[in-house]
PDB file of N, CA and C in Angstrom:
ATOM      1  N   MET A   1     -36.624  44.015  35.183  1.00  0.00           N
ATOM      2  CA  MET A   1     -37.654  43.798  34.258  1.00  0.00           C
ATOM      3  C   MET A   1     -37.965  42.325  34.218  1.00  0.00           C
ATOM      4  N   TYR A   2     -36.929  41.434  34.251  1.00  0.00           N
ATOM      5  CA  TYR A   2     -37.131  40.068  34.254  1.00  0.00           C
ATOM      6  C   TYR A   2     -36.865  39.378  35.514  1.00  0.00           C
ATOM      7  N   ARG A   3     -37.410  39.968  36.556  1.00  0.00           N
ATOM      8  CA  ARG A   3     -37.200  39.498  37.867  1.00  0.00           C
ATOM      9  C   ARG A   3     -38.036  38.260  38.164  1.00  0.00           C
ATOM     10  N   LYS A   4     -37.512  37.307  38.828  1.00  0.00           N
ATOM     11  CA  LYS A   4     -38.249  36.082  39.214  1.00  0.00           C
ATOM     12  C   LYS A   4     -39.245  36.444  40.305  1.00  0.00           C
ATOM     13  N   LYS A   5     -40.481  35.988  40.141  1.00  0.00           N
ATOM     14  CA  LYS A   5     -41.459  36.217  41.134  1.00  0.00           C
ATOM     15  C   LYS A   5     -41.203  35.316  42.349  1.00  0.00           C
ATOM     16  N   THR A   6     -41.326  35.869  43.573  1.00  0.00           N
ATOM     17  CA  THR A   6     -41.217  35.118  44.720  1.00  0.00           C
ATOM     18  C   THR A   6     -42.576  34.427  45.000  1.00  0.00           C
ATOM     19  N   SER A   7     -42.562  33.293  45.724  1.00  0.00           N
ATOM     20  CA  SER A   7     -43.763  32.597  45.986  1.00  0.00           C
ATOM     21  C   SER A   7     -44.672  33.409  46.900  1.00  0.00           C
ATOM     22  N   SER A   8     -45.909  33.147  46.955  1.00  0.00           N
ATOM     23  CA  SER A   8     -46.835  34.069  47.680  1.00  0.00           C
ATOM     24  C   SER A   8     -46.584  33.978  49.213  1.00  0.00           C
ATOM     25  N   TRP A   9     -46.175  32.843  49.722  1.00  0.00           N
ATOM     26  CA  TRP A   9     -46.026  32.766  51.193  1.00  0.00           C
ATOM     27  C   TRP A   9     -44.635  33.405  51.594  1.00  0.00           C
ATOM     28  N   LEU A  10     -43.699  33.366  50.698  1.00  0.00           N
ATOM     29  CA  LEU A  10     -42.383  33.954  50.978  1.00  0.00           C
ATOM     30  C   LEU A  10     -42.390  35.451  51.082  1.00  0.00           C
ATOM     31  N   LYS A  11     -43.327  36.064  50.270  1.00  0.00           N
ATOM     32  CA  LYS A  11     -43.394  37.490  50.318  1.00  0.00           C
ATOM     33  C   LYS A  11     -43.811  38.018  51.683  1.00  0.00           C
ATOM     34  N   HIS A  12     -44.448  37.332  52.495  1.00  0.00           N
ATOM     35  CA  HIS A  12     -44.999  37.717  53.702  1.00  0.00           C
ATOM     36  C   HIS A  12     -44.358  37.054  54.894  1.00  0.00           C
ATOM     37  N   TRP A  13     -43.095  36.702  54.740  1.00  0.00           N
ATOM     38  CA  TRP A  13     -42.393  36.064  55.905  1.00  0.00           C
ATOM     39  C   TRP A  13     -42.366  36.898  57.113  1.00  0.00           C
ATOM     40  N   ASP A  14     -42.344  38.224  56.986  1.00  0.00           N
ATOM     41  CA  ASP A  14     -42.320  39.047  58.175  1.00  0.00           C
ATOM     42  C   ASP A  14     -43.609  38.925  58.953  1.00  0.00           C
ATOM     43  N   PHE A  15     -44.782  38.934  58.247  1.00  0.00           N
ATOM     44  CA  PHE A  15     -46.082  38.804  58.935  1.00  0.00           C
ATOM     45  C   PHE A  15     -46.152  37.390  59.553  1.00  0.00           C
ATOM     46  N   ILE A  16     -45.631  36.383  58.868  1.00  0.00           N
ATOM     47  CA  ILE A  16     -45.711  35.021  59.439  1.00  0.00           C
ATOM     48  C   ILE A  16     -44.880  34.918  60.692  1.00  0.00           C
ATOM     49  N   LEU A  17     -43.698  35.503  60.681  1.00  0.00           N
ATOM     50  CA  LEU A  17     -42.803  35.435  61.869  1.00  0.00           C
ATOM     51  C   LEU A  17     -43.424  36.279  63.016  1.00  0.00           C
ATOM     52  N   LEU A  18     -43.970  37.489  62.713  1.00  0.00           N
ATOM     53  CA  LEU A  18     -44.549  38.231  63.777  1.00  0.00           C
ATOM     54  C   LEU A  18     -45.786  37.569  64.382  1.00  0.00           C
ATOM     55  N   ASP A  19     -46.576  37.000  63.541  1.00  0.00           N
ATOM     56  CA  ASP A  19     -47.719  36.262  63.978  1.00  0.00           C
ATOM     57  C   ASP A  19     -47.337  35.151  64.933  1.00  0.00           C
ATOM     58  N   LEU A  20     -46.300  34.295  64.532  1.00  0.00           N
ATOM     59  CA  LEU A  20     -45.847  33.186  65.318  1.00  0.00           C
ATOM     60  C   LEU A  20     -45.246  33.654  66.598  1.00  0.00           C
ATOM     61  N   ILE A  21     -44.468  34.711  66.645  1.00  0.00           N
ATOM     62  CA  ILE A  21     -43.866  35.242  67.901  1.00  0.00           C
ATOM     63  C   ILE A  21     -44.951  35.679  68.921  1.00  0.00           C
ATOM     64  N   LEU A  22     -45.901  36.473  68.310  1.00  0.00           N
ATOM     65  CA  LEU A  22     -46.970  36.974  69.190  1.00  0.00           C
ATOM     66  C   LEU A  22     -47.867  35.898  69.749  1.00  0.00           C
ATOM     67  N   LEU A  23     -48.111  34.900  68.965  1.00  0.00           N
ATOM     68  CA  LEU A  23     -48.888  33.726  69.391  1.00  0.00           C
ATOM     69  C   LEU A  23     -48.180  32.978  70.559  1.00  0.00           C
ATOM     70  N   GLU A  24     -46.900  32.757  70.360  1.00  0.00           N
ATOM     71  CA  GLU A  24     -46.155  32.051  71.409  1.00  0.00           C
ATOM     72  C   GLU A  24     -46.025  32.886  72.728  1.00  0.00           C
ATOM     73  N   VAL A  25     -45.782  34.186  72.529  1.00  0.00           N
ATOM     74  CA  VAL A  25     -45.712  35.081  73.683  1.00  0.00           C
ATOM     75  C   VAL A  25     -47.039  35.147  74.507  1.00  0.00           C
ATOM     76  N   SER A  26     -48.120  35.139  73.762  1.00  0.00           N
ATOM     77  CA  SER A  26     -49.520  35.107  74.386  1.00  0.00           C
ATOM     78  C   SER A  26     -49.678  33.805  75.115  1.00  0.00           C
ATOM     79  N   TYR A  27     -49.217  32.652  74.527  1.00  0.00           N
ATOM     80  CA  TYR A  27     -49.330  31.385  75.270  1.00  0.00           C
ATOM     81  C   TYR A  27     -48.483  31.365  76.517  1.00  0.00           C
ATOM     82  N   LEU A  28     -47.242  31.874  76.407  1.00  0.00           N
ATOM     83  CA  LEU A  28     -46.396  31.960  77.686  1.00  0.00           C
ATOM     84  C   LEU A  28     -47.053  32.875  78.680  1.00  0.00           C
ATOM     85  N   LEU A  29     -47.590  33.997  78.219  1.00  0.00           N
ATOM     86  CA  LEU A  29     -48.206  34.870  79.179  1.00  0.00           C
ATOM     87  C   LEU A  29     -49.459  34.260  79.863  1.00  0.00           C
ATOM     88  N   ALA A  30     -50.185  33.493  79.114  1.00  0.00           N
ATOM     89  CA  ALA A  30     -51.365  32.795  79.695  1.00  0.00           C
ATOM     90  C   ALA A  30     -50.882  31.804  80.736  1.00  0.00           C
ATOM     91  N   GLN A  31     -49.787  31.091  80.443  1.00  0.00           N
ATOM     92  CA  GLN A  31     -49.219  30.047  81.348  1.00  0.00           C
ATOM     93  C   GLN A  31     -48.741  30.747  82.649  1.00  0.00           C
ATOM     94  N   TRP A  32     -48.087  31.922  82.489  1.00  0.00           N
ATOM     95  CA  TRP A  32     -47.618  32.673  83.617  1.00  0.00           C
ATOM     96  C   TRP A  32     -48.720  33.155  84.488  1.00  0.00           C
ATOM     97  N   LEU A  33     -49.767  33.746  83.848  1.00  0.00           N
ATOM     98  CA  LEU A  33     -50.917  34.194  84.619  1.00  0.00           C
ATOM     99  C   LEU A  33     -51.622  33.037  85.269  1.00  0.00           C
ATOM    100  N   ARG A  34     -51.724  31.884  84.667  1.00  0.00           N
ATOM    101  CA  ARG A  34     -52.474  30.738  85.250  1.00  0.00           C
ATOM    102  C   ARG A  34     -51.695  30.086  86.458  1.00  0.00           C
ATOM    103  N   HIS A  35     -50.419  29.868  86.166  1.00  0.00           N
ATOM    104  CA  HIS A  35     -49.582  29.118  87.145  1.00  0.00           C
ATOM    105  C   HIS A  35     -48.629  29.914  87.962  1.00  0.00           C
ATOM    106  N   GLY A  36     -48.471  31.177  87.568  1.00  0.00           N
ATOM    107  CA  GLY A  36     -47.513  32.021  88.332  1.00  0.00           C
ATOM    108  C   GLY A  36     -46.037  31.885  87.976  1.00  0.00           C
ATOM    109  N   SER A  37     -45.737  31.048  87.060  1.00  0.00           N
ATOM    110  CA  SER A  37     -44.339  30.842  86.652  1.00  0.00           C
ATOM    111  C   SER A  37     -44.343  30.324  85.272  1.00  0.00           C
ATOM    112  N   ALA A  38     -43.136  30.014  84.776  1.00  0.00           N
ATOM    113  CA  ALA A  38     -42.947  29.396  83.444  1.00  0.00           C
ATOM    114  C   ALA A  38     -43.217  27.873  83.637  1.00  0.00           C
ATOM    115  N   TYR A  39     -44.439  27.514  83.715  1.00  0.00           N
ATOM    116  CA  TYR A  39     -44.922  26.143  84.074  1.00  0.00           C
ATOM    117  C   TYR A  39     -44.579  25.183  82.850  1.00  0.00           C
ATOM    118  N   TYR A  40     -44.457  25.699  81.655  1.00  0.00           N
ATOM    119  CA  TYR A  40     -44.301  24.823  80.518  1.00  0.00           C
ATOM    120  C   TYR A  40     -42.923  24.109  80.597  1.00  0.00           C
ATOM    121  N   ARG A  41     -41.980  24.547  81.393  1.00  0.00           N
ATOM    122  CA  ARG A  41     -40.753  23.861  81.541  1.00  0.00           C
ATOM    123  C   ARG A  41     -40.910  22.562  82.400  1.00  0.00           C
ATOM    124  N   GLU A  42     -41.848  22.623  83.284  1.00  0.00           N
ATOM    125  CA  GLU A  42     -41.990  21.535  84.237  1.00  0.00           C
ATOM    126  C   GLU A  42     -42.931  20.448  83.770  1.00  0.00           C
ATOM    127  N   ALA A  43     -43.943  20.827  83.001  1.00  0.00           N
ATOM    128  CA  ALA A  43     -44.858  19.817  82.506  1.00  0.00           C
ATOM    129  C   ALA A  43     -44.679  19.556  81.012  1.00  0.00           C
ATOM    130  N   PRO A  44     -44.454  18.299  80.656  1.00  0.00           N
ATOM    131  CA  PRO A  44     -44.191  18.053  79.248  1.00  0.00           C
ATOM    132  C   PRO A  44     -45.385  18.324  78.348  1.00  0.00           C
ATOM    133  N   LEU A  45     -46.587  18.240  78.871  1.00  0.00           N
ATOM    134  CA  LEU A  45     -47.763  18.504  78.014  1.00  0.00           C
ATOM    135  C   LEU A  45     -47.722  19.950  77.577  1.00  0.00           C
ATOM    136  N   TYR A  46     -47.542  20.848  78.448  1.00  0.00           N
ATOM    137  CA  TYR A  46     -47.424  22.280  78.114  1.00  0.00           C
ATOM    138  C   TYR A  46     -46.315  22.630  77.160  1.00  0.00           C
ATOM    139  N   ARG A  47     -45.223  21.892  77.295  1.00  0.00           N
ATOM    140  CA  ARG A  47     -44.023  22.069  76.457  1.00  0.00           C
ATOM    141  C   ARG A  47     -44.388  21.608  75.063  1.00  0.00           C
ATOM    142  N   ASN A  48     -45.025  20.427  74.922  1.00  0.00           N
ATOM    143  CA  ASN A  48     -45.463  19.908  73.647  1.00  0.00           C
ATOM    144  C   ASN A  48     -46.473  20.784  72.957  1.00  0.00           C
ATOM    145  N   VAL A  49     -47.429  21.318  73.738  1.00  0.00           N
ATOM    146  CA  VAL A  49     -48.381  22.258  73.185  1.00  0.00           C
ATOM    147  C   VAL A  49     -47.726  23.509  72.666  1.00  0.00           C
ATOM    148  N   PHE A  50     -46.726  23.969  73.310  1.00  0.00           N
ATOM    149  CA  PHE A  50     -45.951  25.141  72.877  1.00  0.00           C
ATOM    150  C   PHE A  50     -45.451  24.983  71.460  1.00  0.00           C
ATOM    151  N   PHE A  51     -44.891  23.839  71.261  1.00  0.00           N
ATOM    152  CA  PHE A  51     -44.334  23.516  69.893  1.00  0.00           C
ATOM    153  C   PHE A  51     -45.446  23.189  68.874  1.00  0.00           C
ATOM    154  N   ALA A  52     -46.500  22.500  69.387  1.00  0.00           N
ATOM    155  CA  ALA A  52     -47.689  22.202  68.471  1.00  0.00           C
ATOM    156  C   ALA A  52     -48.352  23.461  67.957  1.00  0.00           C
ATOM    157  N   ILE A  53     -48.479  24.430  68.813  1.00  0.00           N
ATOM    158  CA  ILE A  53     -49.108  25.709  68.424  1.00  0.00           C
ATOM    159  C   ILE A  53     -48.289  26.305  67.334  1.00  0.00           C
ATOM    160  N   ALA A  54     -46.995  26.323  67.424  1.00  0.00           N
ATOM    161  CA  ALA A  54     -46.139  26.925  66.399  1.00  0.00           C
ATOM    162  C   ALA A  54     -46.339  26.206  65.086  1.00  0.00           C
ATOM    163  N   ALA A  55     -46.284  24.829  65.159  1.00  0.00           N
ATOM    164  CA  ALA A  55     -46.490  24.068  63.934  1.00  0.00           C
ATOM    165  C   ALA A  55     -47.820  24.216  63.363  1.00  0.00           C
ATOM    166  N   ILE A  56     -48.892  24.165  64.119  1.00  0.00           N
ATOM    167  CA  ILE A  56     -50.208  24.337  63.626  1.00  0.00           C
ATOM    168  C   ILE A  56     -50.391  25.762  62.944  1.00  0.00           C
ATOM    169  N   ASP A  57     -49.864  26.737  63.668  1.00  0.00           N
ATOM    170  CA  ASP A  57     -50.022  28.103  63.099  1.00  0.00           C
ATOM    171  C   ASP A  57     -49.307  28.231  61.738  1.00  0.00           C
ATOM    172  N   LEU A  58     -48.142  27.658  61.642  1.00  0.00           N
ATOM    173  CA  LEU A  58     -47.444  27.702  60.279  1.00  0.00           C
ATOM    174  C   LEU A  58     -48.186  26.937  59.233  1.00  0.00           C
ATOM    175  N   VAL A  59     -48.649  25.763  59.627  1.00  0.00           N
ATOM    176  CA  VAL A  59     -49.357  24.938  58.605  1.00  0.00           C
ATOM    177  C   VAL A  59     -50.636  25.614  58.190  1.00  0.00           C
ATOM    178  N   VAL A  60     -51.447  26.124  59.112  1.00  0.00           N
ATOM    179  CA  VAL A  60     -52.763  26.752  58.841  1.00  0.00           C
ATOM    180  C   VAL A  60     -52.415  28.059  57.952  1.00  0.00           C
ATOM    181  N   GLY A  61     -51.480  28.794  58.387  1.00  0.00           N
ATOM    182  CA  GLY A  61     -51.229  30.010  57.655  1.00  0.00           C
ATOM    183  C   GLY A  61     -50.722  29.845  56.281  1.00  0.00           C
ATOM    184  N   LEU A  62     -49.985  28.746  56.009  1.00  0.00           N
ATOM    185  CA  LEU A  62     -49.443  28.525  54.706  1.00  0.00           C
ATOM    186  C   LEU A  62     -50.458  27.855  53.821  1.00  0.00           C
ATOM    187  N   THR A  63     -51.227  26.933  54.349  1.00  0.00           N
ATOM    188  CA  THR A  63     -52.170  26.135  53.506  1.00  0.00           C
ATOM    189  C   THR A  63     -53.512  26.855  53.296  1.00  0.00           C
ATOM    190  N   MET A  64     -53.954  27.613  54.240  1.00  0.00           N
ATOM    191  CA  MET A  64     -55.238  28.297  54.123  1.00  0.00           C
ATOM    192  C   MET A  64     -55.152  29.623  53.466  1.00  0.00           C
ATOM    193  N   GLY A  65     -53.945  30.067  53.186  1.00  0.00           N
ATOM    194  CA  GLY A  65     -53.819  31.407  52.477  1.00  0.00           C
ATOM    195  C   GLY A  65     -54.197  32.574  53.340  1.00  0.00           C
ATOM    196  N   SER A  66     -53.951  32.451  54.644  1.00  0.00           N
ATOM    197  CA  SER A  66     -54.245  33.528  55.586  1.00  0.00           C
ATOM    198  C   SER A  66     -53.546  34.857  55.267  1.00  0.00           C
ATOM    199  N   TYR A  67     -52.389  34.799  54.611  1.00  0.00           N
ATOM    200  CA  TYR A  67     -51.599  35.960  54.318  1.00  0.00           C
ATOM    201  C   TYR A  67     -51.830  36.489  52.941  1.00  0.00           C
ATOM    202  N   ARG A  68     -52.683  35.912  52.162  1.00  0.00           N
ATOM    203  CA  ARG A  68     -52.941  36.314  50.786  1.00  0.00           C
ATOM    204  C   ARG A  68     -53.640  37.663  50.828  1.00  0.00           C
ATOM    205  N   GLY A  69     -53.110  38.726  50.180  1.00  0.00           N
ATOM    206  CA  GLY A  69     -53.716  39.960  50.044  1.00  0.00           C
ATOM    207  C   GLY A  69     -53.737  40.796  51.400  1.00  0.00           C
ATOM    208  N   ILE A  70     -52.812  40.478  52.269  1.00  0.00           N
ATOM    209  CA  ILE A  70     -52.778  41.024  53.563  1.00  0.00           C
ATOM    210  C   ILE A  70     -52.542  42.605  53.504  1.00  0.00           C
ATOM    211  N   LEU A  71     -51.847  43.041  52.536  1.00  0.00           N
ATOM    212  CA  LEU A  71     -51.534  44.512  52.469  1.00  0.00           C
ATOM    213  C   LEU A  71     -52.670  45.311  51.795  1.00  0.00           C
ATOM    214  N   ARG A  72     -53.537  44.598  51.035  1.00  0.00           N
ATOM    215  CA  ARG A  72     -54.641  45.277  50.340  1.00  0.00           C
ATOM    216  C   ARG A  72     -55.942  45.230  51.058  1.00  0.00           C
ATOM    217  N   ARG A  73     -56.081  44.415  52.070  1.00  0.00           N
ATOM    218  CA  ARG A  73     -57.356  44.289  52.768  1.00  0.00           C
ATOM    219  C   ARG A  73     -57.715  45.559  53.604  1.00  0.00           C
ATOM    220  N   GLY A  74     -58.967  45.739  53.726  1.00  0.00           N
ATOM    221  CA  GLY A  74     -59.454  46.817  54.609  1.00  0.00           C
ATOM    222  C   GLY A  74     -59.545  46.319  56.004  1.00  0.00           C
ATOM    223  N   TYR A  75     -59.988  47.192  56.940  1.00  0.00           N
ATOM    224  CA  TYR A  75     -60.140  46.789  58.355  1.00  0.00           C
ATOM    225  C   TYR A  75     -61.105  45.672  58.589  1.00  0.00           C
ATOM    226  N   TRP A  76     -62.248  45.758  57.895  1.00  0.00           N
ATOM    227  CA  TRP A  76     -63.266  44.761  58.097  1.00  0.00           C
ATOM    228  C   TRP A  76     -62.793  43.374  57.571  1.00  0.00           C
ATOM    229  N   LEU A  77     -62.256  43.369  56.380  1.00  0.00           N
ATOM    230  CA  LEU A  77     -61.766  42.140  55.828  1.00  0.00           C
ATOM    231  C   LEU A  77     -60.572  41.503  56.609  1.00  0.00           C
ATOM    232  N   GLU A  78     -59.773  42.424  57.146  1.00  0.00           N
ATOM    233  CA  GLU A  78     -58.637  41.981  57.990  1.00  0.00           C
ATOM    234  C   GLU A  78     -59.124  41.346  59.271  1.00  0.00           C
ATOM    235  N   ALA A  79     -60.175  41.959  59.880  1.00  0.00           N
ATOM    236  CA  ALA A  79     -60.748  41.437  61.069  1.00  0.00           C
ATOM    237  C   ALA A  79     -61.369  40.052  60.903  1.00  0.00           C
ATOM    238  N   LYS A  80     -62.053  39.947  59.766  1.00  0.00           N
ATOM    239  CA  LYS A  80     -62.573  38.648  59.382  1.00  0.00           C
ATOM    240  C   LYS A  80     -61.554  37.523  59.111  1.00  0.00           C
ATOM    241  N   ALA A  81     -60.486  37.976  58.441  1.00  0.00           N
ATOM    242  CA  ALA A  81     -59.381  36.991  58.165  1.00  0.00           C
ATOM    243  C   ALA A  81     -58.672  36.569  59.452  1.00  0.00           C
ATOM    244  N   VAL A  82     -58.438  37.510  60.350  1.00  0.00           N
ATOM    245  CA  VAL A  82     -57.800  37.225  61.559  1.00  0.00           C
ATOM    246  C   VAL A  82     -58.606  36.267  62.474  1.00  0.00           C
ATOM    247  N   ALA A  83     -59.989  36.577  62.502  1.00  0.00           N
ATOM    248  CA  ALA A  83     -60.897  35.746  63.287  1.00  0.00           C
ATOM    249  C   ALA A  83     -60.957  34.355  62.711  1.00  0.00           C
ATOM    250  N   LYS A  84     -60.966  34.274  61.390  1.00  0.00           N
ATOM    251  CA  LYS A  84     -61.022  32.888  60.731  1.00  0.00           C
ATOM    252  C   LYS A  84     -59.741  32.087  61.066  1.00  0.00           C
ATOM    253  N   HIS A  85     -58.627  32.812  60.938  1.00  0.00           N
ATOM    254  CA  HIS A  85     -57.273  32.097  61.217  1.00  0.00           C
ATOM    255  C   HIS A  85     -57.237  31.693  62.733  1.00  0.00           C
ATOM    256  N   ALA A  86     -57.635  32.523  63.604  1.00  0.00           N
ATOM    257  CA  ALA A  86     -57.593  32.261  65.051  1.00  0.00           C
ATOM    258  C   ALA A  86     -58.520  31.048  65.317  1.00  0.00           C
ATOM    259  N   ILE A  87     -59.655  31.024  64.770  1.00  0.00           N
ATOM    260  CA  ILE A  87     -60.672  29.989  65.036  1.00  0.00           C
ATOM    261  C   ILE A  87     -60.119  28.631  64.548  1.00  0.00           C
ATOM    262  N   ILE A  88     -59.536  28.604  63.300  1.00  0.00           N
ATOM    263  CA  ILE A  88     -58.967  27.414  62.832  1.00  0.00           C
ATOM    264  C   ILE A  88     -57.780  26.896  63.606  1.00  0.00           C
ATOM    265  N   VAL A  89     -56.938  27.774  64.031  1.00  0.00           N
ATOM    266  CA  VAL A  89     -55.763  27.360  64.858  1.00  0.00           C
ATOM    267  C   VAL A  89     -56.256  26.837  66.215  1.00  0.00           C
ATOM    268  N   THR A  90     -57.233  27.495  66.789  1.00  0.00           N
ATOM    269  CA  THR A  90     -57.777  27.019  68.126  1.00  0.00           C
ATOM    270  C   THR A  90     -58.426  25.622  67.985  1.00  0.00           C
ATOM    271  N   VAL A  91     -59.228  25.465  66.925  1.00  0.00           N
ATOM    272  CA  VAL A  91     -59.865  24.191  66.747  1.00  0.00           C
ATOM    273  C   VAL A  91     -58.816  23.094  66.538  1.00  0.00           C
ATOM    274  N   CYS A  92     -57.809  23.373  65.736  1.00  0.00           N
ATOM    275  CA  CYS A  92     -56.730  22.393  65.571  1.00  0.00           C
ATOM    276  C   CYS A  92     -55.979  22.063  66.812  1.00  0.00           C
ATOM    277  N   VAL A  93     -55.737  23.060  67.673  1.00  0.00           N
ATOM    278  CA  VAL A  93     -55.025  22.796  68.928  1.00  0.00           C
ATOM    279  C   VAL A  93     -55.960  21.912  69.861  1.00  0.00           C
ATOM    280  N   ILE A  94     -57.245  22.224  69.852  1.00  0.00           N
ATOM    281  CA  ILE A  94     -58.187  21.416  70.636  1.00  0.00           C
ATOM    282  C   ILE A  94     -58.262  19.992  70.145  1.00  0.00           C
ATOM    283  N   VAL A  95     -58.260  19.797  68.850  1.00  0.00           N
ATOM    284  CA  VAL A  95     -58.174  18.413  68.257  1.00  0.00           C
ATOM    285  C   VAL A  95     -56.897  17.747  68.659  1.00  0.00           C
ATOM    286  N   TYR A  96     -55.824  18.420  68.582  1.00  0.00           N
ATOM    287  CA  TYR A  96     -54.464  17.951  68.984  1.00  0.00           C
ATOM    288  C   TYR A  96     -54.528  17.464  70.409  1.00  0.00           C
ATOM    289  N   LEU A  97     -55.022  18.293  71.336  1.00  0.00           N
ATOM    290  CA  LEU A  97     -55.126  17.879  72.708  1.00  0.00           C
ATOM    291  C   LEU A  97     -56.028  16.734  72.941  1.00  0.00           C
ATOM    292  N   TRP A  98     -57.212  16.683  72.236  1.00  0.00           N
ATOM    293  CA  TRP A  98     -58.071  15.563  72.363  1.00  0.00           C
ATOM    294  C   TRP A  98     -57.407  14.239  71.801  1.00  0.00           C
ATOM    295  N   ILE A  99     -56.708  14.325  70.750  1.00  0.00           N
ATOM    296  CA  ILE A  99     -56.021  13.122  70.199  1.00  0.00           C
ATOM    297  C   ILE A  99     -54.939  12.624  71.261  1.00  0.00           C
ATOM    298  N   ILE A 100     -54.151  13.580  71.807  1.00  0.00           N
ATOM    299  CA  ILE A 100     -53.188  13.238  72.837  1.00  0.00           C
ATOM    300  C   ILE A 100     -53.829  12.551  74.023  1.00  0.00           C
ATOM    301  N   LYS A 101     -54.931  13.032  74.434  1.00  0.00           N
ATOM    302  CA  LYS A 101     -55.701  12.442  75.561  1.00  0.00           C
ATOM    303  C   LYS A 101     -56.169  11.048  75.236  1.00  0.00           C
ATOM    304  N   VAL A 102     -56.669  10.832  74.028  1.00  0.00           N
ATOM    305  CA  VAL A 102     -57.190   9.503  73.552  1.00  0.00           C
ATOM    306  C   VAL A 102     -55.980   8.532  73.501  1.00  0.00           C
ATOM    307  N   LEU A 103     -54.832   9.000  72.984  1.00  0.00           N
ATOM    308  CA  LEU A 103     -53.707   8.147  72.834  1.00  0.00           C
ATOM    309  C   LEU A 103     -53.096   7.748  74.155  1.00  0.00           C
ATOM    310  N   GLU A 104     -53.185   8.607  75.178  1.00  0.00           N
ATOM    311  CA  GLU A 104     -52.667   8.274  76.457  1.00  0.00           C
ATOM    312  C   GLU A 104     -53.412   7.233  77.115  1.00  0.00           C
ATOM    313  N   GLY A 105     -54.777   7.159  76.798  1.00  0.00           N
ATOM    314  CA  GLY A 105     -55.607   6.165  77.459  1.00  0.00           C
ATOM    315  C   GLY A 105     -55.496   4.746  76.805  1.00  0.00           C
ATOM    316  N   LEU A 106     -54.818   4.690  75.680  1.00  0.00           N
ATOM    317  CA  LEU A 106     -54.688   3.365  75.001  1.00  0.00           C
ATOM    318  C   LEU A 106     -53.589   2.580  75.724  1.00  0.00           C
ATOM    319  N   PRO A 107     -53.809   1.232  75.818  1.00  0.00           N
ATOM    320  CA  PRO A 107     -52.847   0.404  76.398  1.00  0.00           C
ATOM    321  C   PRO A 107     -51.541   0.256  75.531  1.00  0.00           C
ATOM    322  N   ASN A 108     -50.414   0.084  76.174  1.00  0.00           N
ATOM    323  CA  ASN A 108     -49.178  -0.009  75.361  1.00  0.00           C
ATOM    324  C   ASN A 108     -48.986  -1.292  74.739  1.00  0.00           C
TER     325      ASN A 108
END
């Protein structure tokens, strides 16, 4: 009766973890299809992007409220929420890659 409420993001840790695992598996699959091997081990940029995608996905998911009401949404609302989350994560990764490229061009 007097149970303490869990925070909103902690209630959906299973969705957050599943989302993160599937995002990283899809990134590794894309690298395997593109290069024919686990190329992220050889190139530091791909390895850094691997970890950046995980961090960006966690930050976007927790700050934008992507998991709020996930169990009550219908198919159409869920598709819109997934598309919004994917677009935001993709744009953030593109900005990250652009910033890395700009910083590499700067003199030391």
